[in-house]
PDB file of N, CA and C in Angstrom:
ATOM      1  N   MET A   1       0.393  -1.748   0.402  1.00  0.00           N
ATOM      2  CA  MET A   1       0.188   0.049  -0.088  1.00  0.00           C
ATOM      3  C   MET A   1       1.185   0.947  -0.317  1.00  0.00           C
ATOM      4  N   THR A   2       0.545   1.747  -1.059  1.00  0.00           N
ATOM      5  CA  THR A   2       1.714   3.657  -1.500  1.00  0.00           C
ATOM      6  C   THR A   2       0.767   4.057  -0.049  1.00  0.00           C
ATOM      7  N   THR A   3       1.197   5.238   0.349  1.00  0.00           N
ATOM      8  CA  THR A   3       1.592   6.406   1.102  1.00  0.00           C
ATOM      9  C   THR A   3       1.055   7.371   0.481  1.00  0.00           C
ATOM     10  N   ARG A   4       0.434   8.735   0.373  1.00  0.00           N
ATOM     11  CA  ARG A   4       0.101   9.569  -0.734  1.00  0.00           C
ATOM     12  C   ARG A   4       1.585  10.426  -0.860  1.00  0.00           C
ATOM     13  N   SER A   5       2.703  10.318   1.117  1.00  0.00           N
ATOM     14  CA  SER A   5       3.087  11.232   0.167  1.00  0.00           C
ATOM     15  C   SER A   5       4.825  10.360  -0.155  1.00  0.00           C
ATOM     16  N   SER A   6       4.904   9.080  -0.481  1.00  0.00           N
ATOM     17  CA  SER A   6       5.680   7.982  -1.342  1.00  0.00           C
ATOM     18  C   SER A   6       5.103   8.593  -3.119  1.00  0.00           C
ATOM     19  N   LEU A   7       3.828   8.966  -3.083  1.00  0.00           N
ATOM     20  CA  LEU A   7       3.911   9.043  -4.381  1.00  0.00           C
ATOM     21  C   LEU A   7       4.347   9.975  -5.326  1.00  0.00           C
ATOM     22  N   PRO A   8       4.527  10.262  -6.941  1.00  0.00           N
ATOM     23  CA  PRO A   8       5.576  11.465  -7.382  1.00  0.00           C
ATOM     24  C   PRO A   8       4.611  12.165  -7.497  1.00  0.00           C
ATOM     25  N   THR A   9       5.605  13.174  -7.446  1.00  0.00           N
ATOM     26  CA  THR A   9       4.962  14.662  -7.825  1.00  0.00           C
ATOM     27  C   THR A   9       4.305  15.299  -9.095  1.00  0.00           C
ATOM     28  N   PRO A  10       4.187  14.639 -10.153  1.00  0.00           N
ATOM     29  CA  PRO A  10       2.515  15.451 -10.821  1.00  0.00           C
ATOM     30  C   PRO A  10       1.532  14.501 -10.493  1.00  0.00           C
ATOM     31  N   VAL A  11       1.784  13.192  -9.823  1.00  0.00           N
ATOM     32  CA  VAL A  11       0.727  12.480  -9.032  1.00  0.00           C
ATOM     33  C   VAL A  11       0.040  12.917  -8.211  1.00  0.00           C
ATOM     34  N   ARG A  12       0.402  13.868  -7.518  1.00  0.00           N
ATOM     35  CA  ARG A  12       0.181  13.962  -5.986  1.00  0.00           C
ATOM     36  C   ARG A  12       0.047  15.553  -6.380  1.00  0.00           C
ATOM     37  N   ALA A  13      -0.029  16.637  -7.612  1.00  0.00           N
ATOM     38  CA  ALA A  13      -0.482  17.350  -7.859  1.00  0.00           C
ATOM     39  C   ALA A  13      -1.924  17.202  -8.601  1.00  0.00           C
ATOM     40  N   VAL A  14      -2.334  16.147  -9.148  1.00  0.00           N
ATOM     41  CA  VAL A  14      -3.422  16.002 -10.021  1.00  0.00           C
ATOM     42  C   VAL A  14      -3.941  15.664  -8.617  1.00  0.00           C
ATOM     43  N   LEU A  15      -3.643  14.894  -8.315  1.00  0.00           N
ATOM     44  CA  LEU A  15      -4.794  14.339  -6.958  1.00  0.00           C
ATOM     45  C   LEU A  15      -5.206  15.681  -5.994  1.00  0.00           C
ATOM     46  N   ARG A  16      -4.605  16.573  -6.030  1.00  0.00           N
ATOM     47  CA  ARG A  16      -5.007  18.204  -5.291  1.00  0.00           C
ATOM     48  C   ARG A  16      -5.334  18.765  -6.780  1.00  0.00           C
ATOM     49  N   LEU A  17      -5.107  18.866  -7.373  1.00  0.00           N
ATOM     50  CA  LEU A  17      -6.557  20.018  -8.026  1.00  0.00           C
ATOM     51  C   LEU A  17      -7.743  18.477  -8.647  1.00  0.00           C
ATOM     52  N   LEU A  18      -7.598  18.087  -8.539  1.00  0.00           N
ATOM     53  CA  LEU A  18      -8.781  17.459  -8.598  1.00  0.00           C
ATOM     54  C   LEU A  18      -9.671  16.758  -7.073  1.00  0.00           C
ATOM     55  N   ALA A  19      -8.815  16.695  -6.007  1.00  0.00           N
ATOM     56  CA  ALA A  19      -9.520  17.533  -5.197  1.00  0.00           C
ATOM     57  C   ALA A  19      -9.947  18.816  -4.548  1.00  0.00           C
ATOM     58  N   ALA A  20      -9.469  19.951  -5.571  1.00  0.00           N
ATOM     59  CA  ALA A  20     -10.135  20.833  -5.197  1.00  0.00           C
ATOM     60  C   ALA A  20     -11.166  21.503  -6.073  1.00  0.00           C
ATOM     61  N   VAL A  21     -11.436  20.418  -7.645  1.00  0.00           N
ATOM     62  CA  VAL A  21     -12.322  20.663  -8.396  1.00  0.00           C
ATOM     63  C   VAL A  21     -13.872  20.175  -7.593  1.00  0.00           C
ATOM     64  N   VAL A  22     -13.588  18.555  -6.813  1.00  0.00           N
ATOM     65  CA  VAL A  22     -14.740  18.600  -5.886  1.00  0.00           C
ATOM     66  C   VAL A  22     -15.031  19.222  -4.978  1.00  0.00           C
ATOM     67  N   TRP A  23     -14.619  19.697  -4.075  1.00  0.00           N
ATOM     68  CA  TRP A  23     -14.885  20.415  -3.118  1.00  0.00           C
ATOM     69  C   TRP A  23     -15.776  22.027  -3.377  1.00  0.00           C
ATOM     70  N   THR A  24     -14.698  22.225  -4.460  1.00  0.00           N
ATOM     71  CA  THR A  24     -15.600  23.397  -5.628  1.00  0.00           C
ATOM     72  C   THR A  24     -17.054  23.518  -5.865  1.00  0.00           C
ATOM     73  N   VAL A  25     -17.156  22.335  -6.241  1.00  0.00           N
ATOM     74  CA  VAL A  25     -18.350  21.511  -6.693  1.00  0.00           C
ATOM     75  C   VAL A  25     -19.362  21.408  -5.759  1.00  0.00           C
ATOM     76  N   LEU A  26     -19.075  20.964  -4.762  1.00  0.00           N
ATOM     77  CA  LEU A  26     -19.871  20.459  -3.067  1.00  0.00           C
ATOM     78  C   LEU A  26     -19.545  21.443  -2.938  1.00  0.00           C
ATOM     79  N   GLY A  27     -19.067  23.048  -2.486  1.00  0.00           N
ATOM     80  CA  GLY A  27     -19.719  24.528  -1.179  1.00  0.00           C
ATOM     81  C   GLY A  27     -20.856  25.204  -2.718  1.00  0.00           C
ATOM     82  N   LEU A  28     -19.721  24.611  -4.409  1.00  0.00           N
ATOM     83  CA  LEU A  28     -21.697  25.554  -5.411  1.00  0.00           C
ATOM     84  C   LEU A  28     -22.674  24.569  -5.389  1.00  0.00           C
ATOM     85  N   LEU A  29     -23.061  23.225  -5.196  1.00  0.00           N
ATOM     86  CA  LEU A  29     -23.805  22.574  -4.569  1.00  0.00           C
ATOM     87  C   LEU A  29     -24.572  23.394  -3.559  1.00  0.00           C
ATOM     88  N   ALA A  30     -23.913  23.132  -2.681  1.00  0.00           N
ATOM     89  CA  ALA A  30     -24.247  24.199  -0.985  1.00  0.00           C
ATOM     90  C   ALA A  30     -24.893  25.252  -1.622  1.00  0.00           C
ATOM     91  N   TYR A  31     -24.116  26.265  -2.108  1.00  0.00           N
ATOM     92  CA  TYR A  31     -25.009  27.168  -2.647  1.00  0.00           C
ATOM     93  C   TYR A  31     -26.084  27.687  -3.008  1.00  0.00           C
ATOM     94  N   PHE A  32     -26.351  26.744  -3.874  1.00  0.00           N
ATOM     95  CA  PHE A  32     -27.424  27.221  -4.638  1.00  0.00           C
ATOM     96  C   PHE A  32     -28.501  26.179  -4.100  1.00  0.00           C
ATOM     97  N   VAL A  33     -28.191  25.265  -3.167  1.00  0.00           N
ATOM     98  CA  VAL A  33     -29.295  24.758  -2.077  1.00  0.00           C
ATOM     99  C   VAL A  33     -29.642  25.745  -0.836  1.00  0.00           C
ATOM    100  N   CYS A  34     -28.728  26.670  -0.899  1.00  0.00           N
ATOM    101  CA  CYS A  34     -29.088  27.519   0.343  1.00  0.00           C
ATOM    102  C   CYS A  34     -30.134  28.703  -0.549  1.00  0.00           C
ATOM    103  N   GLN A  35     -28.983  28.914  -1.474  1.00  0.00           N
ATOM    104  CA  GLN A  35     -30.048  29.840  -2.363  1.00  0.00           C
ATOM    105  C   GLN A  35     -31.129  29.743  -2.678  1.00  0.00           C
ATOM    106  N   GLY A  36     -31.807  28.636  -2.590  1.00  0.00           N
ATOM    107  CA  GLY A  36     -33.391  27.972  -3.267  1.00  0.00           C
ATOM    108  C   GLY A  36     -33.102  27.468  -4.519  1.00  0.00           C
ATOM    109  N   MET A  37     -31.648  27.762  -5.717  1.00  0.00           N
ATOM    110  CA  MET A  37     -32.034  27.919  -6.391  1.00  0.00           C
ATOM    111  C   MET A  37     -32.986  26.363  -7.230  1.00  0.00           C
ATOM    112  N   PHE A  38     -33.265  25.483  -6.319  1.00  0.00           N
ATOM    113  CA  PHE A  38     -33.526  24.706  -7.104  1.00  0.00           C
ATOM    114  C   PHE A  38     -35.033  24.216  -6.606  1.00  0.00           C
ATOM    115  N   GLY A  39     -35.721  25.508  -5.923  1.00  0.00           N
ATOM    116  CA  GLY A  39     -37.158  25.130  -6.178  1.00  0.00           C
ATOM    117  C   GLY A  39     -37.478  25.875  -7.252  1.00  0.00           C
ATOM    118  N   GLY A  40     -39.187  25.819  -6.879  1.00  0.00           N
ATOM    119  CA  GLY A  40     -40.067  25.937  -7.530  1.00  0.00           C
ATOM    120  C   GLY A  40     -40.138  24.424  -8.717  1.00  0.00           C
ATOM    121  N   TYR A  41     -39.944  23.685  -8.710  1.00  0.00           N
ATOM    122  CA  TYR A  41     -40.037  22.888 -10.013  1.00  0.00           C
ATOM    123  C   TYR A  41     -40.526  21.412  -9.471  1.00  0.00           C
ATOM    124  N   ALA A  42     -41.675  21.055 -10.007  1.00  0.00           N
ATOM    125  CA  ALA A  42     -42.750  20.318  -9.138  1.00  0.00           C
ATOM    126  C   ALA A  42     -42.729  19.161  -9.594  1.00  0.00           C
ATOM    127  N   GLN A  43     -42.419  19.517 -10.901  1.00  0.00           N
ATOM    128  CA  GLN A  43     -41.976  18.055 -12.153  1.00  0.00           C
ATOM    129  C   GLN A  43     -40.959  17.358 -11.416  1.00  0.00           C
ATOM    130  N   ILE A  44     -39.696  17.820 -10.867  1.00  0.00           N
ATOM    131  CA  ILE A  44     -38.633  17.437 -10.352  1.00  0.00           C
ATOM    132  C   ILE A  44     -38.635  16.889  -9.164  1.00  0.00           C
ATOM    133  N   HIS A  45     -39.602  17.151  -8.735  1.00  0.00           N
ATOM    134  CA  HIS A  45     -39.064  17.345  -6.868  1.00  0.00           C
ATOM    135  C   HIS A  45     -38.542  17.508  -6.174  1.00  0.00           C
ATOM    136  N   SER A  46     -38.167  19.354  -6.215  1.00  0.00           N
ATOM    137  CA  SER A  46     -37.057  20.028  -6.526  1.00  0.00           C
ATOM    138  C   SER A  46     -37.464  19.953  -4.932  1.00  0.00           C
ATOM    139  N   GLN A  47     -38.269  19.520  -3.983  1.00  0.00           N
ATOM    140  CA  GLN A  47     -38.684  20.308  -2.449  1.00  0.00           C
ATOM    141  C   GLN A  47     -37.422  19.241  -1.662  1.00  0.00           C
ATOM    142  N   LEU A  48     -37.791  17.648  -2.862  1.00  0.00           N
ATOM    143  CA  LEU A  48     -36.822  16.405  -1.977  1.00  0.00           C
ATOM    144  C   LEU A  48     -36.024  17.135  -2.407  1.00  0.00           C
ATOM    145  N   LEU A  49     -35.474  17.602  -3.297  1.00  0.00           N
ATOM    146  CA  LEU A  49     -34.196  17.980  -3.408  1.00  0.00           C
ATOM    147  C   LEU A  49     -33.431  19.490  -2.242  1.00  0.00           C
ATOM    148  N   THR A  50     -34.673  19.871  -2.477  1.00  0.00           N
ATOM    149  CA  THR A  50     -33.592  21.169  -1.082  1.00  0.00           C
ATOM    150  C   THR A  50     -33.842  20.329   0.042  1.00  0.00           C
ATOM    151  N   THR A  51     -34.448  19.554   0.328  1.00  0.00           N
ATOM    152  CA  THR A  51     -34.286  18.834   1.977  1.00  0.00           C
ATOM    153  C   THR A  51     -33.087  17.956   1.740  1.00  0.00           C
ATOM    154  N   LEU A  52     -32.767  16.940   0.756  1.00  0.00           N
ATOM    155  CA  LEU A  52     -31.755  16.594   0.971  1.00  0.00           C
ATOM    156  C   LEU A  52     -30.824  17.097   1.085  1.00  0.00           C
ATOM    157  N   GLY A  53     -30.855  17.935   0.703  1.00  0.00           N
ATOM    158  CA  GLY A  53     -29.324  19.007   0.439  1.00  0.00           C
ATOM    159  C   GLY A  53     -29.388  19.455   2.054  1.00  0.00           C
ATOM    160  N   MET A  54     -29.794  19.926   2.218  1.00  0.00           N
ATOM    161  CA  MET A  54     -30.060  20.662   4.167  1.00  0.00           C
ATOM    162  C   MET A  54     -29.727  19.883   4.727  1.00  0.00           C
ATOM    163  N   ILE A  55     -30.232  18.190   4.691  1.00  0.00           N
ATOM    164  CA  ILE A  55     -30.024  17.354   6.086  1.00  0.00           C
ATOM    165  C   ILE A  55     -28.251  17.283   5.459  1.00  0.00           C
ATOM    166  N   ALA A  56     -27.597  16.960   3.535  1.00  0.00           N
ATOM    167  CA  ALA A  56     -26.157  17.213   3.885  1.00  0.00           C
ATOM    168  C   ALA A  56     -25.980  17.743   4.132  1.00  0.00           C
ATOM    169  N   ILE A  57     -25.563  18.674   4.021  1.00  0.00           N
ATOM    170  CA  ILE A  57     -25.185  20.525   4.803  1.00  0.00           C
ATOM    171  C   ILE A  57     -24.897  20.098   6.265  1.00  0.00           C
ATOM    172  N   ALA A  58     -26.197  19.643   6.884  1.00  0.00           N
ATOM    173  CA  ALA A  58     -26.065  19.620   8.506  1.00  0.00           C
ATOM    174  C   ALA A  58     -25.016  18.562   8.580  1.00  0.00           C
ATOM    175  N   LEU A  59     -25.625  17.686   8.189  1.00  0.00           N
ATOM    176  CA  LEU A  59     -24.552  16.154   8.512  1.00  0.00           C
ATOM    177  C   LEU A  59     -22.617  16.643   8.227  1.00  0.00           C
ATOM    178  N   THR A  60     -22.862  17.191   7.306  1.00  0.00           N
ATOM    179  CA  THR A  60     -21.690  17.337   7.041  1.00  0.00           C
ATOM    180  C   THR A  60     -20.750  18.693   8.231  1.00  0.00           C
ATOM    181  N   GLY A  61     -21.539  19.359   8.530  1.00  0.00           N
ATOM    182  CA  GLY A  61     -21.262  20.437   9.701  1.00  0.00           C
ATOM    183  C   GLY A  61     -20.925  19.692  10.827  1.00  0.00           C
ATOM    184  N   GLY A  62     -22.080  18.498  11.051  1.00  0.00           N
ATOM    185  CA  GLY A  62     -21.825  18.360  12.159  1.00  0.00           C
ATOM    186  C   GLY A  62     -20.706  16.984  12.811  1.00  0.00           C
ATOM    187  N   ILE A  63     -20.124  16.423  10.801  1.00  0.00           N
ATOM    188  CA  ILE A  63     -18.959  15.394  11.005  1.00  0.00           C
ATOM    189  C   ILE A  63     -17.240  16.062  11.138  1.00  0.00           C
ATOM    190  N   VAL A  64     -18.107  17.357  10.373  1.00  0.00           N
ATOM    191  CA  VAL A  64     -16.573  18.489  10.972  1.00  0.00           C
ATOM    192  C   VAL A  64     -16.210  18.621  11.868  1.00  0.00           C
ATOM    193  N   TRP A  65     -17.771  19.082  12.896  1.00  0.00           N
ATOM    194  CA  TRP A  65     -17.597  19.487  14.376  1.00  0.00           C
ATOM    195  C   TRP A  65     -17.375  18.510  14.976  1.00  0.00           C
ATOM    196  N   ILE A  66     -17.587  17.029  14.776  1.00  0.00           N
ATOM    197  CA  ILE A  66     -16.843  16.427  15.793  1.00  0.00           C
ATOM    198  C   ILE A  66     -15.908  15.823  15.212  1.00  0.00           C
ATOM    199  N   VAL A  67     -15.275  15.901  13.828  1.00  0.00           N
ATOM    200  CA  VAL A  67     -13.572  15.317  14.076  1.00  0.00           C
ATOM    201  C   VAL A  67     -13.057  16.986  14.316  1.00  0.00           C
ATOM    202  N   ASP A  68     -12.973  17.474  14.724  1.00  0.00           N
ATOM    203  CA  ASP A  68     -12.532  18.359  15.217  1.00  0.00           C
ATOM    204  C   ASP A  68     -12.512  18.731  16.534  1.00  0.00           C
ATOM    205  N   GLU A  69     -13.640  18.853  16.876  1.00  0.00           N
ATOM    206  CA  GLU A  69     -13.255  18.003  18.642  1.00  0.00           C
ATOM    207  C   GLU A  69     -12.542  16.943  18.815  1.00  0.00           C
ATOM    208  N   ARG A  70     -12.684  16.133  18.305  1.00  0.00           N
ATOM    209  CA  ARG A  70     -12.301  14.798  18.432  1.00  0.00           C
ATOM    210  C   ARG A  70     -10.134  15.636  18.350  1.00  0.00           C
ATOM    211  N   ARG A  71      -9.757  16.344  18.268  1.00  0.00           N
ATOM    212  CA  ARG A  71      -8.047  16.738  17.160  1.00  0.00           C
ATOM    213  C   ARG A  71      -8.237  17.249  18.100  1.00  0.00           C
ATOM    214  N   PRO A  72      -7.063  17.235  18.983  1.00  0.00           N
ATOM    215  CA  PRO A  72      -5.720  17.480  20.075  1.00  0.00           C
ATOM    216  C   PRO A  72      -5.511  18.485  19.357  1.00  0.00           C
ATOM    217  N   HIS A  73      -5.774  19.881  20.550  1.00  0.00           N
ATOM    218  CA  HIS A  73      -5.867  21.186  20.833  1.00  0.00           C
ATOM    219  C   HIS A  73      -4.423  21.621  21.358  1.00  0.00           C
ATOM    220  N   ASP A  74      -3.537  22.471  20.786  1.00  0.00           N
ATOM    221  CA  ASP A  74      -2.265  23.588  21.347  1.00  0.00           C
ATOM    222  C   ASP A  74      -2.852  24.311  22.653  1.00  0.00           C
ATOM    223  N   ASP A  75      -3.497  24.715  23.211  1.00  0.00           N
ATOM    224  CA  ASP A  75      -4.722  25.221  23.506  1.00  0.00           C
ATOM    225  C   ASP A  75      -4.612  24.954  25.889  1.00  0.00           C
ATOM    226  N   GLU A  76      -5.135  23.218  25.016  1.00  0.00           N
ATOM    227  CA  GLU A  76      -5.560  23.116  26.523  1.00  0.00           C
ATOM    228  C   GLU A  76      -4.077  21.832  26.937  1.00  0.00           C
TER     229      GLU A  76
END
């Protein structure tokens, strides 16, 4: 099993670029959900999509909070 630090530099650069693109797309989707841009289209169940998006945002925030609380802090 290879670790990320043992990968060649070009591969690490591509992985970092791919991660940046994925996080940007996810951030934009979260923004669109929060702005209600998917609202008003009953034929595609947009209210369900908005509800699922808000649940995903809340779960992500909760997971980040738990991970941060479990991380050792320098000020303690």
